[in-house]
């Protein structure tokens, strides 16, 4: 991946709640449903993400194989859920490390 593609990839992850969705899936250790993402806070707008934004983010993250669609069985019901992939877990680790280093740099300025 060239530098231009890397920058585009990181920008995509930093926008539209993508990082929040990945973070939620990593921390949950279980599949989450669409409704579970509706409670995520949008720090840029000081509120919640719209359902349209969440839907677009899920599609984008699925297309990059960072999350995957799974079936959750609940009391004889089959529900659609999402879980993190290995690629998504690695991406989260890299983003978290980057975020921590940025915080350290900000202290110096």
N, C-alpha and C. Protein backbone atom coordinates (compact mmCIF):
# COMPACT_ATOMS: atom_id res chain seq x y z
N UNK A 1 0.85 -1.17 0.00
CA UNK A 1 0.00 0.00 0.00
C UNK A 1 0.90 1.24 0.00
N UNK A 2 0.70 2.11 -0.97
CA UNK A 2 1.52 3.32 -1.04
C UNK A 2 1.04 4.35 -0.02
N UNK A 3 1.81 5.39 0.15
CA UNK A 3 1.53 6.40 1.17
C UNK A 3 0.17 7.05 0.95
N UNK A 4 -0.16 7.35 -0.28
CA UNK A 4 -1.45 7.98 -0.59
C UNK A 4 -2.61 7.08 -0.17
N UNK A 5 -2.50 5.78 -0.45
CA UNK A 5 -3.53 4.84 -0.05
C UNK A 5 -3.59 4.68 1.46
N UNK A 6 -2.44 4.73 2.13
CA UNK A 6 -2.41 4.63 3.58
C UNK A 6 -3.12 5.81 4.22
N UNK A 7 -2.85 6.99 3.72
CA UNK A 7 -3.50 8.19 4.25
C UNK A 7 -5.01 8.12 4.04
N UNK A 8 -5.43 7.68 2.86
CA UNK A 8 -6.86 7.54 2.58
C UNK A 8 -7.50 6.53 3.51
N UNK A 9 -6.79 5.43 3.78
CA UNK A 9 -7.29 4.39 4.67
C UNK A 9 -7.47 4.93 6.09
N UNK A 10 -6.47 5.65 6.61
CA UNK A 10 -6.56 6.21 7.95
C UNK A 10 -7.64 7.29 8.05
N UNK A 11 -7.77 8.10 7.01
CA UNK A 11 -8.84 9.10 6.99
C UNK A 11 -10.21 8.46 7.02
N UNK A 12 -10.36 7.36 6.27
CA UNK A 12 -11.63 6.65 6.26
C UNK A 12 -11.96 6.11 7.65
N UNK A 13 -10.97 5.56 8.32
CA UNK A 13 -11.20 5.00 9.65
C UNK A 13 -11.53 6.07 10.68
N UNK A 14 -10.96 7.25 10.48
CA UNK A 14 -11.17 8.34 11.43
C UNK A 14 -12.49 9.07 11.22
N UNK A 15 -13.17 8.78 10.13
CA UNK A 15 -14.40 9.51 9.82
C UNK A 15 -15.64 8.66 10.04
N UNK A 16 -16.74 9.33 10.17
CA UNK A 16 -18.08 8.72 10.14
C UNK A 16 -18.32 7.61 11.15
N UNK A 17 -17.65 7.60 12.27
CA UNK A 17 -17.93 6.61 13.29
C UNK A 17 -17.30 5.25 13.05
N UNK A 18 -16.48 5.14 12.03
CA UNK A 18 -15.87 3.84 11.73
C UNK A 18 -15.02 3.33 12.89
N UNK A 19 -14.20 4.22 13.46
CA UNK A 19 -13.35 3.80 14.57
C UNK A 19 -14.20 3.40 15.78
N UNK A 20 -15.28 4.12 16.03
CA UNK A 20 -16.15 3.81 17.15
C UNK A 20 -16.80 2.44 16.99
N UNK A 21 -17.18 2.09 15.77
CA UNK A 21 -17.77 0.77 15.51
C UNK A 21 -16.74 -0.32 15.74
N UNK A 22 -15.54 -0.13 15.20
CA UNK A 22 -14.46 -1.11 15.40
C UNK A 22 -14.16 -1.26 16.89
N UNK A 23 -14.03 -0.16 17.58
CA UNK A 23 -13.72 -0.18 19.01
C UNK A 23 -14.81 -0.92 19.79
N UNK A 24 -16.06 -0.67 19.48
CA UNK A 24 -17.17 -1.34 20.16
C UNK A 24 -17.12 -2.85 19.95
N UNK A 25 -16.82 -3.27 18.73
CA UNK A 25 -16.76 -4.70 18.44
C UNK A 25 -15.57 -5.37 19.14
N UNK A 26 -14.44 -4.70 19.19
CA UNK A 26 -13.26 -5.25 19.87
C UNK A 26 -13.55 -5.41 21.36
N UNK A 27 -14.15 -4.40 21.96
CA UNK A 27 -14.39 -4.43 23.39
C UNK A 27 -15.53 -5.35 23.80
N UNK A 28 -16.46 -5.62 22.90
CA UNK A 28 -17.62 -6.44 23.25
C UNK A 28 -17.30 -7.93 23.32
N UNK A 29 -16.32 -8.37 22.54
CA UNK A 29 -15.98 -9.80 22.47
C UNK A 29 -17.15 -10.68 22.05
N UNK A 30 -18.15 -10.08 21.45
CA UNK A 30 -19.29 -10.82 20.92
C UNK A 30 -19.90 -10.02 19.78
N UNK A 31 -20.67 -10.67 18.93
CA UNK A 31 -21.31 -9.93 17.84
C UNK A 31 -22.28 -8.87 18.38
N UNK A 32 -22.36 -7.77 17.68
CA UNK A 32 -23.30 -6.70 18.03
C UNK A 32 -24.29 -6.52 16.89
N UNK A 33 -25.47 -6.07 17.24
CA UNK A 33 -26.49 -5.78 16.24
C UNK A 33 -26.44 -4.30 15.86
N UNK A 34 -27.11 -3.96 14.79
CA UNK A 34 -27.17 -2.58 14.32
C UNK A 34 -27.63 -1.65 15.43
N UNK A 35 -28.63 -2.06 16.19
CA UNK A 35 -29.19 -1.21 17.25
C UNK A 35 -28.15 -0.87 18.32
N UNK A 36 -27.17 -1.75 18.50
CA UNK A 36 -26.12 -1.50 19.49
C UNK A 36 -25.22 -0.33 19.09
N UNK A 37 -25.14 -0.04 17.82
CA UNK A 37 -24.30 1.06 17.35
C UNK A 37 -25.01 2.42 17.46
N UNK A 38 -26.32 2.40 17.63
CA UNK A 38 -27.07 3.65 17.72
C UNK A 38 -26.74 4.45 18.97
N UNK A 39 -26.13 3.81 19.96
CA UNK A 39 -25.79 4.52 21.20
C UNK A 39 -24.40 5.15 21.18
N UNK A 40 -23.66 4.91 20.10
CA UNK A 40 -22.30 5.45 20.01
C UNK A 40 -22.32 6.97 19.94
N UNK A 41 -21.41 7.59 20.65
CA UNK A 41 -21.33 9.05 20.66
C UNK A 41 -20.49 9.57 19.51
N UNK A 42 -21.00 10.59 18.87
CA UNK A 42 -20.28 11.30 17.82
C UNK A 42 -19.59 12.49 18.46
N UNK A 43 -18.31 12.35 18.75
CA UNK A 43 -17.59 13.40 19.47
C UNK A 43 -17.46 14.68 18.64
N UNK A 44 -17.55 14.55 17.33
CA UNK A 44 -17.44 15.74 16.48
C UNK A 44 -18.71 16.59 16.53
N UNK A 45 -19.86 15.94 16.76
CA UNK A 45 -21.13 16.66 16.76
C UNK A 45 -21.78 16.70 18.13
N UNK A 46 -21.12 16.12 19.14
CA UNK A 46 -21.65 16.09 20.50
C UNK A 46 -23.07 15.50 20.54
N UNK A 47 -23.21 14.33 19.98
CA UNK A 47 -24.50 13.64 19.96
C UNK A 47 -24.32 12.22 19.46
N UNK A 48 -25.37 11.66 18.92
CA UNK A 48 -25.33 10.30 18.39
C UNK A 48 -25.16 10.33 16.88
N UNK A 49 -24.69 9.20 16.33
CA UNK A 49 -24.58 9.06 14.88
C UNK A 49 -25.96 8.75 14.31
N UNK A 50 -26.22 9.23 13.11
CA UNK A 50 -27.49 8.93 12.46
C UNK A 50 -27.48 7.48 11.98
N UNK A 51 -28.66 6.91 11.77
CA UNK A 51 -28.74 5.54 11.27
C UNK A 51 -28.14 5.44 9.87
N UNK A 52 -28.26 6.48 9.10
CA UNK A 52 -27.68 6.51 7.75
C UNK A 52 -26.15 6.43 7.83
N UNK A 53 -25.57 7.18 8.75
CA UNK A 53 -24.11 7.16 8.93
C UNK A 53 -23.65 5.79 9.40
N UNK A 54 -24.35 5.21 10.35
CA UNK A 54 -23.99 3.89 10.86
C UNK A 54 -24.07 2.85 9.75
N UNK A 55 -25.13 2.89 8.97
CA UNK A 55 -25.30 1.95 7.87
C UNK A 55 -24.18 2.07 6.85
N UNK A 56 -23.84 3.29 6.48
CA UNK A 56 -22.75 3.51 5.52
C UNK A 56 -21.41 3.04 6.08
N UNK A 57 -21.19 3.28 7.34
CA UNK A 57 -19.94 2.85 7.98
C UNK A 57 -19.83 1.33 8.00
N UNK A 58 -20.91 0.66 8.34
CA UNK A 58 -20.90 -0.81 8.38
C UNK A 58 -20.59 -1.37 6.99
N UNK A 59 -21.22 -0.83 5.98
CA UNK A 59 -20.95 -1.29 4.61
C UNK A 59 -19.49 -1.07 4.23
N UNK A 60 -18.96 0.08 4.58
CA UNK A 60 -17.58 0.40 4.25
C UNK A 60 -16.61 -0.54 4.98
N UNK A 61 -16.86 -0.76 6.26
CA UNK A 61 -15.99 -1.64 7.05
C UNK A 61 -16.07 -3.09 6.58
N UNK A 62 -17.27 -3.51 6.16
CA UNK A 62 -17.42 -4.86 5.60
C UNK A 62 -16.66 -4.99 4.28
N UNK A 63 -16.72 -3.97 3.45
CA UNK A 63 -16.04 -4.03 2.16
C UNK A 63 -14.52 -4.12 2.31
N UNK A 64 -14.01 -3.62 3.44
CA UNK A 64 -12.57 -3.67 3.71
C UNK A 64 -12.20 -4.91 4.54
N UNK A 65 -13.18 -5.76 4.80
CA UNK A 65 -12.99 -6.98 5.60
C UNK A 65 -12.49 -6.69 7.01
N UNK A 66 -12.92 -5.58 7.59
CA UNK A 66 -12.57 -5.25 8.96
C UNK A 66 -13.62 -5.78 9.93
N UNK A 67 -14.86 -5.90 9.44
CA UNK A 67 -15.93 -6.53 10.21
C UNK A 67 -16.66 -7.49 9.28
N UNK A 68 -17.42 -8.41 9.88
CA UNK A 68 -18.19 -9.33 9.04
C UNK A 68 -19.58 -9.53 9.61
N UNK A 69 -20.48 -9.87 8.74
CA UNK A 69 -21.87 -10.12 9.04
C UNK A 69 -22.00 -11.54 9.59
N UNK A 70 -22.70 -11.71 10.70
CA UNK A 70 -22.92 -13.03 11.29
C UNK A 70 -24.38 -13.17 11.71
N UNK A 71 -24.79 -14.40 11.91
CA UNK A 71 -26.14 -14.68 12.40
C UNK A 71 -26.05 -14.96 13.90
N UNK A 72 -26.89 -14.28 14.66
CA UNK A 72 -26.95 -14.47 16.11
C UNK A 72 -28.23 -15.23 16.41
N UNK A 73 -28.11 -16.35 17.09
CA UNK A 73 -29.29 -17.11 17.49
C UNK A 73 -29.70 -16.66 18.89
N UNK A 74 -30.99 -16.26 19.00
CA UNK A 74 -31.51 -15.75 20.27
C UNK A 74 -32.94 -16.24 20.45
N UNK A 75 -33.13 -17.18 21.35
CA UNK A 75 -34.48 -17.72 21.62
C UNK A 75 -35.20 -18.14 20.34
N UNK A 76 -34.58 -19.01 19.59
CA UNK A 76 -35.13 -19.53 18.33
C UNK A 76 -35.30 -18.48 17.25
N UNK A 77 -34.73 -17.31 17.45
CA UNK A 77 -34.73 -16.26 16.43
C UNK A 77 -33.33 -16.17 15.83
N UNK A 78 -33.28 -15.82 14.58
CA UNK A 78 -32.00 -15.57 13.93
C UNK A 78 -31.91 -14.08 13.64
N UNK A 79 -30.94 -13.44 14.25
CA UNK A 79 -30.75 -12.01 14.11
C UNK A 79 -29.43 -11.74 13.39
N UNK A 80 -29.38 -10.64 12.66
CA UNK A 80 -28.16 -10.24 11.97
C UNK A 80 -27.28 -9.47 12.96
N UNK A 81 -26.02 -9.82 12.98
CA UNK A 81 -25.06 -9.13 13.83
C UNK A 81 -23.76 -8.91 13.08
N UNK A 82 -22.83 -8.27 13.75
CA UNK A 82 -21.53 -7.97 13.16
C UNK A 82 -20.46 -8.31 14.18
N UNK A 83 -19.34 -8.83 13.69
CA UNK A 83 -18.20 -9.08 14.55
C UNK A 83 -16.92 -8.63 13.87
N UNK A 84 -15.93 -8.41 14.68
CA UNK A 84 -14.64 -7.93 14.19
C UNK A 84 -13.88 -9.10 13.55
N UNK A 85 -13.11 -8.81 12.53
CA UNK A 85 -12.25 -9.82 11.90
C UNK A 85 -10.83 -9.66 12.46
N UNK A 86 -9.97 -10.60 12.14
CA UNK A 86 -8.56 -10.48 12.56
C UNK A 86 -7.94 -9.20 12.00
N UNK A 87 -8.26 -8.91 10.74
CA UNK A 87 -7.76 -7.68 10.12
C UNK A 87 -8.27 -6.46 10.88
N UNK A 88 -9.53 -6.51 11.31
CA UNK A 88 -10.10 -5.42 12.09
C UNK A 88 -9.44 -5.26 13.44
N UNK A 89 -9.14 -6.39 14.09
CA UNK A 89 -8.45 -6.35 15.38
C UNK A 89 -7.07 -5.73 15.24
N UNK A 90 -6.33 -6.14 14.21
CA UNK A 90 -4.99 -5.59 13.99
C UNK A 90 -5.07 -4.10 13.68
N UNK A 91 -6.05 -3.72 12.89
CA UNK A 91 -6.23 -2.30 12.56
C UNK A 91 -6.52 -1.50 13.82
N UNK A 92 -7.35 -2.05 14.70
CA UNK A 92 -7.66 -1.36 15.96
C UNK A 92 -6.40 -1.16 16.79
N UNK A 93 -5.58 -2.20 16.91
CA UNK A 93 -4.35 -2.11 17.69
C UNK A 93 -3.44 -1.01 17.15
N UNK A 94 -3.29 -0.97 15.83
CA UNK A 94 -2.45 0.05 15.20
C UNK A 94 -3.02 1.45 15.44
N UNK A 95 -4.32 1.60 15.29
CA UNK A 95 -4.94 2.91 15.50
C UNK A 95 -4.84 3.35 16.95
N UNK A 96 -5.01 2.43 17.87
CA UNK A 96 -4.92 2.76 19.29
C UNK A 96 -3.50 3.19 19.66
N UNK A 97 -2.50 2.47 19.14
CA UNK A 97 -1.10 2.85 19.39
C UNK A 97 -0.80 4.22 18.80
N UNK A 98 -1.30 4.47 17.61
CA UNK A 98 -1.10 5.77 16.96
C UNK A 98 -1.75 6.87 17.78
N UNK A 99 -2.96 6.61 18.25
CA UNK A 99 -3.69 7.58 19.06
C UNK A 99 -2.92 7.90 20.36
N UNK A 100 -2.36 6.89 20.98
CA UNK A 100 -1.58 7.10 22.21
C UNK A 100 -0.33 7.92 21.94
N UNK A 101 0.33 7.67 20.82
CA UNK A 101 1.54 8.43 20.47
C UNK A 101 1.21 9.88 20.16
N UNK A 102 0.08 10.10 19.53
CA UNK A 102 -0.35 11.47 19.23
C UNK A 102 -0.60 12.22 20.53
N UNK A 103 -1.21 11.56 21.50
CA UNK A 103 -1.46 12.21 22.80
C UNK A 103 -0.15 12.60 23.47
N UNK A 104 0.85 11.74 23.37
CA UNK A 104 2.16 12.05 23.93
C UNK A 104 2.79 13.25 23.23
N UNK A 105 2.66 13.30 21.90
CA UNK A 105 3.19 14.43 21.15
C UNK A 105 2.50 15.72 21.52
N UNK A 106 1.19 15.67 21.72
CA UNK A 106 0.42 16.87 22.06
C UNK A 106 0.86 17.46 23.39
N UNK A 107 1.31 16.63 24.30
CA UNK A 107 1.79 17.12 25.61
C UNK A 107 3.04 17.98 25.45
N UNK A 108 3.83 17.68 24.42
CA UNK A 108 5.06 18.43 24.20
C UNK A 108 4.83 19.80 23.56
N UNK A 109 3.64 20.04 23.02
CA UNK A 109 3.36 21.31 22.34
C UNK A 109 2.57 22.24 23.19
